[in-house]
Amino acid sequence: MAEEPASGPVTAEGTQPDGLGPEGLSLIMIETGKLAEHPGNVRQDVVLSAEFAVSVAQCGVRIPLLVTADGEGGFRVVEGHRRLAAAVKAGLAEVPCIVDASRAEDEAGQFLDMLVANGRGYRQNFTPLEEAAALFSAAEAGASRTRLRKATGRKADEVKSALEVGGMSAQTREAAGELAGQLDLDELALLAEFDGDEDAIEKLLTALRHGLAVDYTAERIRQDRAETAEHDRLVAELEAAGTPVTDQLPARAVRLSALAQGEEEELTPEAHGGCPGRRAPRRRRFFPRARMFRT
C-alpha cells in the first residue's frame, strides 16, 4: 500500500517551516543526488516491491525521509532508504526530508532511530483486511479506481477484490473473527463473494480453519448454486406449462420411460403433456424433463 501522507507542508529547499515539532527539526526538499545511504545501515537488503515502486513513481514520496547533515554539504539518510531507492529508480529529482540537526554528532541516536522506525516491536503493518478497509474507505470518500491503482501500485483486479472485501458485512467479519486478520486477499475475496450466505460462509471458514482446499470448497458452492438456479428455472417452466411439480409421488406412480409405448405415437413428455395424471418430481437429482411420472 502507499505510504501515509507527510504531516505538514513540504517547502522548497532551504526554507524552514514554523511549528514542525521538536527543536532542531526542519522539513525541506532535498535533491536525491545530495542524499547518501547511511554507512552503517542495518537493513542489509533494500527490497522494492513492484507495488511500492509503482506507487512512488506515480505519486512521489509521501512520507519524508529522516536525514542529518554529513558535514560535507550533503545529507546522510537515517531512515527511509527504501523510499530513496524507489525515488532514484523513478527518476525523481528531489524528495521531502526531515533534517534532524541534533543527530549529526549522535551516531548512537541514528541507529536507535533506525530501530524505532523499523523494528517489529515498534511497527505493525496493516493486515490485508485492514488494507482493503482503507481502500474501500478511500473509494467511499470519492477516490476513483484509477487513483487507487496509482496510489497503491496495485493491479485493477486486486483493487476490485480489495473493494469487495472492504465492503463485506459486519456479520461476515464477525463470523470470521480473529481468522480474518490471518487471511490473504484472495481468501478474503472468497468470503466477500459469498457474503450474506451464512451456510456458504460457514463452509468456507471451516475449510480455512482446517487447512482444507478452500478454492475447491468455493467451487462446490458455486456448482450447488448453479444447480439450484437451474432446478428453480425448470420448476417455473414446467408449472407455467401446466405440469404439476410434486414433492412426493403417489405409490402408484410409474416413470414415463417405463411405460409401454404404442405403435402410432411415441410416449414422450411432450406427447404425454395432456394426461391429467402427469407429475414431475421436485427432487433435484431426478428432475430432468424426461423423468416424468404418470399416476
C-alpha atoms as a PDB file:
ATOM      1  CA  MET A   1       0.000   0.000   0.000  1.00  0.00           C
ATOM      2  CA  ALA A   2       1.079   3.597  -0.459  1.00  0.00           C
ATOM      3  CA  GLU A   3       2.768   5.285   2.433  1.00  0.00           C
ATOM      4  CA  GLU A   4       0.814   7.782   4.506  1.00  0.00           C
ATOM      5  CA  PRO A   5       0.962  11.486   3.621  1.00  0.00           C
ATOM      6  CA  ALA A   6       3.517  13.606   5.403  1.00  0.00           C
ATOM      7  CA  SER A   7       2.198  15.651   8.295  1.00  0.00           C
ATOM      8  CA  GLY A   8       2.617  19.316   7.449  1.00  0.00           C
ATOM      9  CA  PRO A   9       3.600  21.230   4.308  1.00  0.00           C
ATOM     10  CA  VAL A  10       6.592  20.439   2.129  1.00  0.00           C
ATOM     11  CA  THR A  11       8.611  23.545   1.319  1.00  0.00           C
ATOM     12  CA  ALA A  12      11.305  24.457  -1.139  1.00  0.00           C
ATOM     13  CA  GLU A  13      14.890  23.598  -0.333  1.00  0.00           C
ATOM     14  CA  GLY A  14      16.484  25.925   2.182  1.00  0.00           C
ATOM     15  CA  THR A  15      13.328  27.128   3.881  1.00  0.00           C
ATOM     16  CA  GLN A  16      12.330  26.022   7.343  1.00  0.00           C
ATOM     17  CA  PRO A  17       8.598  25.997   8.166  1.00  0.00           C
ATOM     18  CA  ASP A  18       7.455  27.007  11.607  1.00  0.00           C
ATOM     19  CA  GLY A  19       5.948  24.679  14.176  1.00  0.00           C
ATOM     20  CA  LEU A  20       7.138  21.372  12.743  1.00  0.00           C
ATOM     21  CA  GLY A  21       7.950  19.779  16.053  1.00  0.00           C
ATOM     22  CA  PRO A  22      10.967  19.442  18.333  1.00  0.00           C
ATOM     23  CA  GLU A  23      13.755  21.964  18.083  1.00  0.00           C
ATOM     24  CA  GLY A  24      16.392  21.066  15.510  1.00  0.00           C
ATOM     25  CA  LEU A  25      13.978  19.504  13.003  1.00  0.00           C
ATOM     26  CA  SER A  26      13.222  21.090   9.622  1.00  0.00           C
ATOM     27  CA  LEU A  27      11.230  19.852   6.648  1.00  0.00           C
ATOM     28  CA  ILE A  28      12.752  20.615   3.254  1.00  0.00           C
ATOM     29  CA  MET A  29      13.000  19.230  -0.257  1.00  0.00           C
ATOM     30  CA  ILE A  30      16.448  17.794  -0.970  1.00  0.00           C
ATOM     31  CA  GLU A  31      17.921  16.689  -4.286  1.00  0.00           C
ATOM     32  CA  THR A  32      18.328  12.904  -4.431  1.00  0.00           C
ATOM     33  CA  GLY A  33      21.931  13.375  -5.549  1.00  0.00           C
ATOM     34  CA  LYS A  34      22.754  15.015  -2.208  1.00  0.00           C
ATOM     35  CA  LEU A  35      21.391  12.091  -0.182  1.00  0.00           C
ATOM     36  CA  ALA A  36      23.695   9.249   0.742  1.00  0.00           C
ATOM     37  CA  GLU A  37      22.916   5.889   2.285  1.00  0.00           C
ATOM     38  CA  HIS A  38      23.928   5.576   5.901  1.00  0.00           C
ATOM     39  CA  PRO A  39      27.282   3.741   6.008  1.00  0.00           C
ATOM     40  CA  GLY A  40      26.022   1.659   8.891  1.00  0.00           C
ATOM     41  CA  ASN A  41      22.547   0.954   7.544  1.00  0.00           C
ATOM     42  CA  VAL A  42      21.454  -2.202   9.328  1.00  0.00           C
ATOM     43  CA  ARG A  43      18.876  -3.096   6.646  1.00  0.00           C
ATOM     44  CA  GLN A  44      21.024  -5.379   4.527  1.00  0.00           C
ATOM     45  CA  ASP A  45      18.650  -5.752   1.580  1.00  0.00           C
ATOM     46  CA  VAL A  46      16.618  -2.778   0.336  1.00  0.00           C
ATOM     47  CA  VAL A  47      13.807  -4.692  -1.369  1.00  0.00           C
ATOM     48  CA  LEU A  48      11.449  -2.699  -3.565  1.00  0.00           C
ATOM     49  CA  SER A  49       8.141  -4.434  -4.170  1.00  0.00           C
ATOM     50  CA  ALA A  50       6.512  -3.786  -7.524  1.00  0.00           C
ATOM     51  CA  GLU A  51       3.571  -2.083  -5.808  1.00  0.00           C
ATOM     52  CA  PHE A  52       5.815   0.253  -3.816  1.00  0.00           C
ATOM     53  CA  ALA A  53       7.948   1.192  -6.821  1.00  0.00           C
ATOM     54  CA  VAL A  54       4.864   1.974  -8.934  1.00  0.00           C
ATOM     55  CA  SER A  55       3.299   3.967  -6.098  1.00  0.00           C
ATOM     56  CA  VAL A  56       6.376   6.192  -5.704  1.00  0.00           C
ATOM     57  CA  ALA A  57       6.694   6.613  -9.470  1.00  0.00           C
ATOM     58  CA  GLN A  58       3.051   7.700  -9.732  1.00  0.00           C
ATOM     59  CA  CYS A  59       2.591   9.715  -6.544  1.00  0.00           C
ATOM     60  CA  GLY A  60       6.087  10.566  -5.345  1.00  0.00           C
ATOM     61  CA  VAL A  61       7.413  10.091  -1.821  1.00  0.00           C
ATOM     62  CA  ARG A  62       4.627  10.886   0.633  1.00  0.00           C
ATOM     63  CA  ILE A  63       6.476  10.377   3.924  1.00  0.00           C
ATOM     64  CA  PRO A  64       9.651  12.448   4.424  1.00  0.00           C
ATOM     65  CA  LEU A  65      12.983  10.714   4.918  1.00  0.00           C
ATOM     66  CA  LEU A  66      14.768  11.305   8.200  1.00  0.00           C
ATOM     67  CA  VAL A  67      18.244  12.662   7.448  1.00  0.00           C
ATOM     68  CA  THR A  68      21.077  14.532   9.063  1.00  0.00           C
ATOM     69  CA  ALA A  69      23.896  16.655   7.638  1.00  0.00           C
ATOM     70  CA  ASP A  70      27.034  14.704   6.744  1.00  0.00           C
ATOM     71  CA  GLY A  71      29.403  17.647   7.264  1.00  0.00           C
ATOM     72  CA  GLU A  72      30.402  17.707   3.579  1.00  0.00           C
ATOM     73  CA  GLY A  73      27.476  19.602   2.136  1.00  0.00           C
ATOM     74  CA  GLY A  74      25.315  16.544   1.716  1.00  0.00           C
ATOM     75  CA  PHE A  75      22.965  14.530   3.862  1.00  0.00           C
ATOM     76  CA  ARG A  76      23.062  11.066   5.414  1.00  0.00           C
ATOM     77  CA  VAL A  77      19.835   9.051   5.356  1.00  0.00           C
ATOM     78  CA  VAL A  78      18.934   7.726   8.790  1.00  0.00           C
ATOM     79  CA  GLU A  79      15.501   6.338   7.974  1.00  0.00           C
ATOM     80  CA  GLY A  80      13.908   5.976   4.532  1.00  0.00           C
ATOM     81  CA  HIS A  81      16.407   4.035   2.423  1.00  0.00           C
ATOM     82  CA  ARG A  82      13.628   2.192   0.540  1.00  0.00           C
ATOM     83  CA  ARG A  83      11.887   5.463  -0.258  1.00  0.00           C
ATOM     84  CA  LEU A  84      15.138   6.943  -1.552  1.00  0.00           C
ATOM     85  CA  ALA A  85      15.868   3.860  -3.685  1.00  0.00           C
ATOM     86  CA  ALA A  86      12.356   3.965  -5.158  1.00  0.00           C
ATOM     87  CA  ALA A  87      12.683   7.702  -5.843  1.00  0.00           C
ATOM     88  CA  VAL A  88      16.000   7.216  -7.634  1.00  0.00           C
ATOM     89  CA  LYS A  89      14.529   4.356  -9.666  1.00  0.00           C
ATOM     90  CA  ALA A  90      11.591   6.561 -10.628  1.00  0.00           C
ATOM     91  CA  GLY A  91      13.906   9.391 -11.629  1.00  0.00           C
ATOM     92  CA  LEU A  92      12.625  11.867  -9.031  1.00  0.00           C
ATOM     93  CA  ALA A  93      14.826  14.941  -8.755  1.00  0.00           C
ATOM     94  CA  GLU A  94      14.109  15.593  -5.078  1.00  0.00           C
ATOM     95  CA  VAL A  95      12.283  14.145  -2.105  1.00  0.00           C
ATOM     96  CA  PRO A  96      10.866  15.584   1.135  1.00  0.00           C
ATOM     97  CA  CYS A  97      13.168  15.158   4.116  1.00  0.00           C
ATOM     98  CA  ILE A  98      13.146  15.954   7.801  1.00  0.00           C
ATOM     99  CA  VAL A  99      16.603  17.186   8.732  1.00  0.00           C
ATOM    100  CA  ASP A 100      17.491  16.398  12.332  1.00  0.00           C
ATOM    101  CA  ALA A 101      20.407  18.646  13.233  1.00  0.00           C
ATOM    102  CA  SER A 102      20.692  17.068  16.685  1.00  0.00           C
ATOM    103  CA  ARG A 103      21.623  13.687  15.189  1.00  0.00           C
ATOM    104  CA  ALA A 104      24.650  14.930  13.218  1.00  0.00           C
ATOM    105  CA  GLU A 105      27.036  14.187  16.073  1.00  0.00           C
ATOM    106  CA  ASP A 106      24.915  11.481  17.718  1.00  0.00           C
ATOM    107  CA  GLU A 107      25.693   8.280  15.807  1.00  0.00           C
ATOM    108  CA  ALA A 108      24.174   6.124  18.548  1.00  0.00           C
ATOM    109  CA  GLY A 109      20.934   8.064  18.181  1.00  0.00           C
ATOM    110  CA  GLN A 110      20.949   7.408  14.432  1.00  0.00           C
ATOM    111  CA  PHE A 111      20.940   3.660  14.990  1.00  0.00           C
ATOM    112  CA  LEU A 112      18.207   3.971  17.600  1.00  0.00           C
ATOM    113  CA  ASP A 113      16.091   5.923  15.090  1.00  0.00           C
ATOM    114  CA  MET A 114      16.516   3.058  12.600  1.00  0.00           C
ATOM    115  CA  LEU A 115      15.339   0.579  15.216  1.00  0.00           C
ATOM    116  CA  VAL A 116      12.306   2.547  16.358  1.00  0.00           C
ATOM    117  CA  ALA A 117      11.224   3.185  12.746  1.00  0.00           C
ATOM    118  CA  ASN A 118      11.580  -0.393  11.520  1.00  0.00           C
ATOM    119  CA  GLY A 119      11.764  -2.797  14.463  1.00  0.00           C
ATOM    120  CA  ARG A 120       8.983  -5.341  14.913  1.00  0.00           C
ATOM    121  CA  GLY A 121       8.289  -4.166  18.418  1.00  0.00           C
ATOM    122  CA  TYR A 122       7.633  -0.608  17.257  1.00  0.00           C
ATOM    123  CA  ARG A 123       5.940  -1.023  13.893  1.00  0.00           C
ATOM    124  CA  GLN A 124       2.935  -3.092  12.828  1.00  0.00           C
ATOM    125  CA  ASN A 125       1.808  -3.197   9.220  1.00  0.00           C
ATOM    126  CA  PHE A 126      -1.815  -3.407   8.105  1.00  0.00           C
ATOM    127  CA  THR A 127      -3.304  -6.836   7.585  1.00  0.00           C
ATOM    128  CA  PRO A 128      -4.809  -7.477   4.109  1.00  0.00           C
ATOM    129  CA  LEU A 129      -8.253  -6.932   5.661  1.00  0.00           C
ATOM    130  CA  GLU A 130      -7.180  -3.544   7.046  1.00  0.00           C
ATOM    131  CA  GLU A 131      -5.639  -2.602   3.690  1.00  0.00           C
ATOM    132  CA  ALA A 132      -8.914  -3.494   1.975  1.00  0.00           C
ATOM    133  CA  ALA A 133     -10.829  -1.413   4.506  1.00  0.00           C
ATOM    134  CA  ALA A 134      -8.568   1.578   3.805  1.00  0.00           C
ATOM    135  CA  LEU A 135      -9.071   1.247   0.055  1.00  0.00           C
ATOM    136  CA  PHE A 136     -12.829   0.888   0.491  1.00  0.00           C
ATOM    137  CA  SER A 137     -12.953   3.989   2.681  1.00  0.00           C
ATOM    138  CA  ALA A 138     -10.910   5.935   0.130  1.00  0.00           C
ATOM    139  CA  ALA A 139     -13.335   4.881  -2.601  1.00  0.00           C
ATOM    140  CA  GLU A 140     -16.292   5.847  -0.432  1.00  0.00           C
ATOM    141  CA  ALA A 141     -14.650   9.246   0.063  1.00  0.00           C
ATOM    142  CA  GLY A 142     -14.543   9.776  -3.693  1.00  0.00           C
ATOM    143  CA  ALA A 143     -11.288   8.204  -4.941  1.00  0.00           C
ATOM    144  CA  SER A 144     -11.646   6.611  -8.383  1.00  0.00           C
ATOM    145  CA  ARG A 145     -10.272   3.151  -9.076  1.00  0.00           C
ATOM    146  CA  THR A 146      -7.642   4.750 -11.288  1.00  0.00           C
ATOM    147  CA  ARG A 147      -6.443   6.863  -8.384  1.00  0.00           C
ATOM    148  CA  LEU A 148      -6.426   3.836  -6.090  1.00  0.00           C
ATOM    149  CA  ARG A 149      -4.292   1.905  -8.570  1.00  0.00           C
ATOM    150  CA  LYS A 150      -1.802   4.751  -8.954  1.00  0.00           C
ATOM    151  CA  ALA A 151      -1.554   5.412  -5.229  1.00  0.00           C
ATOM    152  CA  THR A 152      -1.000   1.785  -4.285  1.00  0.00           C
ATOM    153  CA  GLY A 153       0.678   0.306  -7.352  1.00  0.00           C
ATOM    154  CA  ARG A 154      -1.898  -2.490  -7.348  1.00  0.00           C
ATOM    155  CA  LYS A 155      -3.420  -4.064 -10.443  1.00  0.00           C
ATOM    156  CA  ALA A 156      -7.029  -3.451 -11.427  1.00  0.00           C
ATOM    157  CA  ASP A 157      -8.212  -6.915 -10.345  1.00  0.00           C
ATOM    158  CA  GLU A 158      -6.500  -6.523  -6.970  1.00  0.00           C
ATOM    159  CA  VAL A 159      -8.222  -3.191  -6.361  1.00  0.00           C
ATOM    160  CA  LYS A 160     -11.546  -4.738  -7.388  1.00  0.00           C
ATOM    161  CA  SER A 161     -11.077  -7.609  -4.924  1.00  0.00           C
ATOM    162  CA  ALA A 162      -9.969  -5.251  -2.159  1.00  0.00           C
ATOM    163  CA  LEU A 163     -13.057  -3.074  -2.609  1.00  0.00           C
ATOM    164  CA  GLU A 164     -15.297  -6.148  -2.436  1.00  0.00           C
ATOM    165  CA  VAL A 165     -13.521  -7.273   0.733  1.00  0.00           C
ATOM    166  CA  GLY A 166     -13.703  -3.802   2.248  1.00  0.00           C
ATOM    167  CA  GLY A 167     -17.456  -3.793   1.698  1.00  0.00           C
ATOM    168  CA  MET A 168     -18.105  -7.089   3.476  1.00  0.00           C
ATOM    169  CA  SER A 169     -20.905  -7.076   6.001  1.00  0.00           C
ATOM    170  CA  ALA A 170     -20.237  -6.854   9.717  1.00  0.00           C
ATOM    171  CA  GLN A 171     -21.945 -10.231  10.064  1.00  0.00           C
ATOM    172  CA  THR A 172     -19.364 -11.975   7.862  1.00  0.00           C
ATOM    173  CA  ARG A 173     -16.477 -10.195   9.606  1.00  0.00           C
ATOM    174  CA  GLU A 174     -17.865 -11.273  12.960  1.00  0.00           C
ATOM    175  CA  ALA A 175     -18.248 -14.865  11.772  1.00  0.00           C
ATOM    176  CA  ALA A 176     -14.613 -14.921  10.626  1.00  0.00           C
ATOM    177  CA  GLY A 177     -13.425 -13.474  13.939  1.00  0.00           C
ATOM    178  CA  GLU A 178      -9.673 -13.422  14.502  1.00  0.00           C
ATOM    179  CA  LEU A 179      -9.159 -15.661  11.478  1.00  0.00           C
ATOM    180  CA  ALA A 180      -9.954 -12.725   9.165  1.00  0.00           C
ATOM    181  CA  GLY A 181      -6.739 -10.974  10.185  1.00  0.00           C
ATOM    182  CA  GLN A 182      -4.712 -14.020   9.098  1.00  0.00           C
ATOM    183  CA  LEU A 183      -6.151 -14.397   5.597  1.00  0.00           C
ATOM    184  CA  ASP A 184      -4.667 -13.076   2.375  1.00  0.00           C
ATOM    185  CA  LEU A 185      -6.619 -11.002  -0.132  1.00  0.00           C
ATOM    186  CA  ASP A 186      -7.608 -13.988  -2.293  1.00  0.00           C
ATOM    187  CA  GLU A 187      -9.032 -15.866   0.692  1.00  0.00           C
ATOM    188  CA  LEU A 188     -10.864 -12.776   1.904  1.00  0.00           C
ATOM    189  CA  ALA A 189     -12.263 -12.267  -1.598  1.00  0.00           C
ATOM    190  CA  LEU A 190     -13.919 -15.692  -1.377  1.00  0.00           C
ATOM    191  CA  LEU A 191     -15.687 -14.633   1.816  1.00  0.00           C
ATOM    192  CA  ALA A 192     -16.769 -11.423   0.097  1.00  0.00           C
ATOM    193  CA  GLU A 193     -18.106 -13.391  -2.878  1.00  0.00           C
ATOM    194  CA  PHE A 194     -20.498 -15.332  -0.650  1.00  0.00           C
ATOM    195  CA  ASP A 195     -21.241 -12.501   1.776  1.00  0.00           C
ATOM    196  CA  GLY A 196     -24.801 -12.816   3.042  1.00  0.00           C
ATOM    197  CA  ASP A 197     -24.974 -16.607   2.603  1.00  0.00           C
ATOM    198  CA  GLU A 198     -24.426 -17.871   6.152  1.00  0.00           C
ATOM    199  CA  ASP A 199     -24.211 -21.537   5.143  1.00  0.00           C
ATOM    200  CA  ALA A 200     -21.618 -20.838   2.437  1.00  0.00           C
ATOM    201  CA  ILE A 201     -19.566 -18.615   4.761  1.00  0.00           C
ATOM    202  CA  GLU A 202     -19.520 -21.330   7.418  1.00  0.00           C
ATOM    203  CA  LYS A 203     -18.335 -23.929   4.885  1.00  0.00           C
ATOM    204  CA  LEU A 204     -15.532 -21.637   3.728  1.00  0.00           C
ATOM    205  CA  LEU A 205     -14.457 -20.781   7.269  1.00  0.00           C
ATOM    206  CA  THR A 206     -14.446 -24.466   8.226  1.00  0.00           C
ATOM    207  CA  ALA A 207     -12.176 -25.212   5.267  1.00  0.00           C
ATOM    208  CA  LEU A 208      -9.859 -22.322   6.174  1.00  0.00           C
ATOM    209  CA  ARG A 209      -9.653 -23.280   9.840  1.00  0.00           C
ATOM    210  CA  HIS A 210      -8.748 -26.879   9.000  1.00  0.00           C
ATOM    211  CA  GLY A 211      -6.327 -26.068   6.202  1.00  0.00           C
ATOM    212  CA  LEU A 212      -8.532 -27.629   3.517  1.00  0.00           C
ATOM    213  CA  ALA A 213      -8.649 -26.615  -0.134  1.00  0.00           C
ATOM    214  CA  VAL A 214     -10.842 -23.528   0.161  1.00  0.00           C
ATOM    215  CA  ASP A 215     -10.871 -22.992  -3.626  1.00  0.00           C
ATOM    216  CA  TYR A 216     -12.400 -26.450  -4.040  1.00  0.00           C
ATOM    217  CA  THR A 217     -14.984 -25.673  -1.358  1.00  0.00           C
ATOM    218  CA  ALA A 218     -15.888 -22.421  -3.090  1.00  0.00           C
ATOM    219  CA  GLU A 219     -16.264 -24.159  -6.448  1.00  0.00           C
ATOM    220  CA  ARG A 220     -18.586 -26.764  -4.936  1.00  0.00           C
ATOM    221  CA  ILE A 221     -20.729 -23.970  -3.514  1.00  0.00           C
ATOM    222  CA  ARG A 222     -20.855 -22.300  -6.930  1.00  0.00           C
ATOM    223  CA  GLN A 223     -21.894 -25.577  -8.570  1.00  0.00           C
ATOM    224  CA  ASP A 224     -24.606 -26.138  -5.965  1.00  0.00           C
ATOM    225  CA  ARG A 225     -25.876 -22.618  -6.575  1.00  0.00           C
ATOM    226  CA  ALA A 226     -25.915 -23.175 -10.338  1.00  0.00           C
ATOM    227  CA  GLU A 227     -27.786 -26.473  -9.958  1.00  0.00           C
ATOM    228  CA  THR A 228     -30.315 -24.868  -7.633  1.00  0.00           C
ATOM    229  CA  ALA A 229     -30.854 -21.985 -10.050  1.00  0.00           C
ATOM    230  CA  GLU A 230     -31.373 -24.401 -12.958  1.00  0.00           C
ATOM    231  CA  HIS A 231     -33.712 -26.525 -10.851  1.00  0.00           C
ATOM    232  CA  ASP A 232     -35.789 -23.469  -9.962  1.00  0.00           C
ATOM    233  CA  ARG A 233     -35.870 -22.422 -13.604  1.00  0.00           C
ATOM    234  CA  LEU A 234     -37.181 -25.830 -14.683  1.00  0.00           C
ATOM    235  CA  VAL A 235     -39.796 -25.839 -11.919  1.00  0.00           C
ATOM    236  CA  ALA A 236     -41.072 -22.467 -13.082  1.00  0.00           C
ATOM    237  CA  GLU A 237     -41.067 -23.577 -16.716  1.00  0.00           C
ATOM    238  CA  LEU A 238     -42.984 -26.789 -16.013  1.00  0.00           C
ATOM    239  CA  GLU A 239     -45.514 -25.083 -13.787  1.00  0.00           C
ATOM    240  CA  ALA A 240     -46.043 -22.376 -16.404  1.00  0.00           C
ATOM    241  CA  ALA A 241     -46.716 -25.156 -18.967  1.00  0.00           C
ATOM    242  CA  GLY A 242     -49.305 -26.713 -16.675  1.00  0.00           C
ATOM    243  CA  THR A 243     -47.296 -29.691 -15.418  1.00  0.00           C
ATOM    244  CA  PRO A 244     -47.744 -30.175 -11.667  1.00  0.00           C
ATOM    245  CA  VAL A 245     -44.496 -30.413  -9.705  1.00  0.00           C
ATOM    246  CA  THR A 246     -44.730 -32.510  -6.569  1.00  0.00           C
ATOM    247  CA  ASP A 247     -42.563 -33.184  -3.526  1.00  0.00           C
ATOM    248  CA  GLN A 248     -43.960 -36.678  -3.031  1.00  0.00           C
ATOM    249  CA  LEU A 249     -45.180 -39.088  -5.715  1.00  0.00           C
ATOM    250  CA  PRO A 250     -48.121 -41.441  -5.055  1.00  0.00           C
ATOM    251  CA  ALA A 251     -47.382 -45.139  -4.586  1.00  0.00           C
ATOM    252  CA  ARG A 252     -48.947 -45.966  -7.974  1.00  0.00           C
ATOM    253  CA  ALA A 253     -46.722 -43.542  -9.905  1.00  0.00           C
ATOM    254  CA  VAL A 254     -44.795 -45.028 -12.820  1.00  0.00           C
ATOM    255  CA  ARG A 255     -41.895 -43.394 -14.596  1.00  0.00           C
ATOM    256  CA  LEU A 256     -42.931 -42.363 -18.101  1.00  0.00           C
ATOM    257  CA  SER A 257     -39.923 -44.029 -19.702  1.00  0.00           C
ATOM    258  CA  ALA A 258     -41.004 -47.348 -18.162  1.00  0.00           C
ATOM    259  CA  LEU A 259     -44.447 -47.377 -19.778  1.00  0.00           C
ATOM    260  CA  ALA A 260     -45.111 -49.444 -22.894  1.00  0.00           C
ATOM    261  CA  GLN A 261     -45.233 -47.251 -25.977  1.00  0.00           C
ATOM    262  CA  GLY A 262     -47.856 -47.553 -28.718  1.00  0.00           C
ATOM    263  CA  GLU A 263     -47.134 -48.038 -32.386  1.00  0.00           C
ATOM    264  CA  GLU A 264     -48.758 -44.805 -33.548  1.00  0.00           C
ATOM    265  CA  GLU A 265     -47.363 -42.271 -31.078  1.00  0.00           C
ATOM    266  CA  GLU A 266     -44.093 -42.184 -29.217  1.00  0.00           C
ATOM    267  CA  LEU A 267     -44.600 -41.720 -25.469  1.00  0.00           C
ATOM    268  CA  THR A 268     -42.598 -38.569 -24.704  1.00  0.00           C
ATOM    269  CA  PRO A 269     -43.011 -35.855 -22.045  1.00  0.00           C
ATOM    270  CA  GLU A 270     -44.406 -33.580 -24.757  1.00  0.00           C
ATOM    271  CA  ALA A 271     -46.852 -36.164 -26.095  1.00  0.00           C
ATOM    272  CA  HIS A 272     -47.881 -37.011 -22.540  1.00  0.00           C
ATOM    273  CA  GLY A 273     -48.415 -33.343 -21.662  1.00  0.00           C
ATOM    274  CA  GLY A 274     -52.200 -33.544 -21.755  1.00  0.00           C
ATOM    275  CA  CYS A 275     -52.503 -36.506 -19.412  1.00  0.00           C
ATOM    276  CA  PRO A 276     -54.293 -35.411 -16.185  1.00  0.00           C
ATOM    277  CA  GLY A 277     -52.186 -37.797 -14.129  1.00  0.00           C
ATOM    278  CA  ARG A 278     -48.822 -36.408 -15.192  1.00  0.00           C
ATOM    279  CA  ARG A 279     -46.403 -35.244 -12.472  1.00  0.00           C
ATOM    280  CA  ALA A 280     -42.770 -34.119 -12.183  1.00  0.00           C
ATOM    281  CA  PRO A 281     -40.751 -34.780  -9.002  1.00  0.00           C
ATOM    282  CA  ARG A 282     -39.229 -31.752  -7.277  1.00  0.00           C
ATOM    283  CA  ARG A 283     -36.115 -33.638  -6.175  1.00  0.00           C
ATOM    284  CA  ARG A 284     -33.155 -32.030  -7.877  1.00  0.00           C
ATOM    285  CA  ARG A 285     -31.225 -35.156  -8.867  1.00  0.00           C
ATOM    286  CA  PHE A 286     -34.204 -36.710 -10.628  1.00  0.00           C
ATOM    287  CA  PHE A 287     -35.593 -33.601 -12.181  1.00  0.00           C
ATOM    288  CA  PRO A 288     -34.728 -33.672 -15.925  1.00  0.00           C
ATOM    289  CA  ARG A 289     -37.776 -33.203 -18.128  1.00  0.00           C
ATOM    290  CA  ALA A 290     -37.699 -36.836 -19.260  1.00  0.00           C
ATOM    291  CA  ARG A 291     -38.154 -38.029 -15.665  1.00  0.00           C
ATOM    292  CA  MET A 292     -41.932 -37.568 -15.743  1.00  0.00           C
ATOM    293  CA  PHE A 293     -44.310 -39.877 -13.955  1.00  0.00           C
ATOM    294  CA  ARG A 294     -47.853 -40.972 -14.628  1.00  0.00           C
ATOM    295  CA  THR A 295     -50.179 -41.610 -11.705  1.00  0.00           C
END
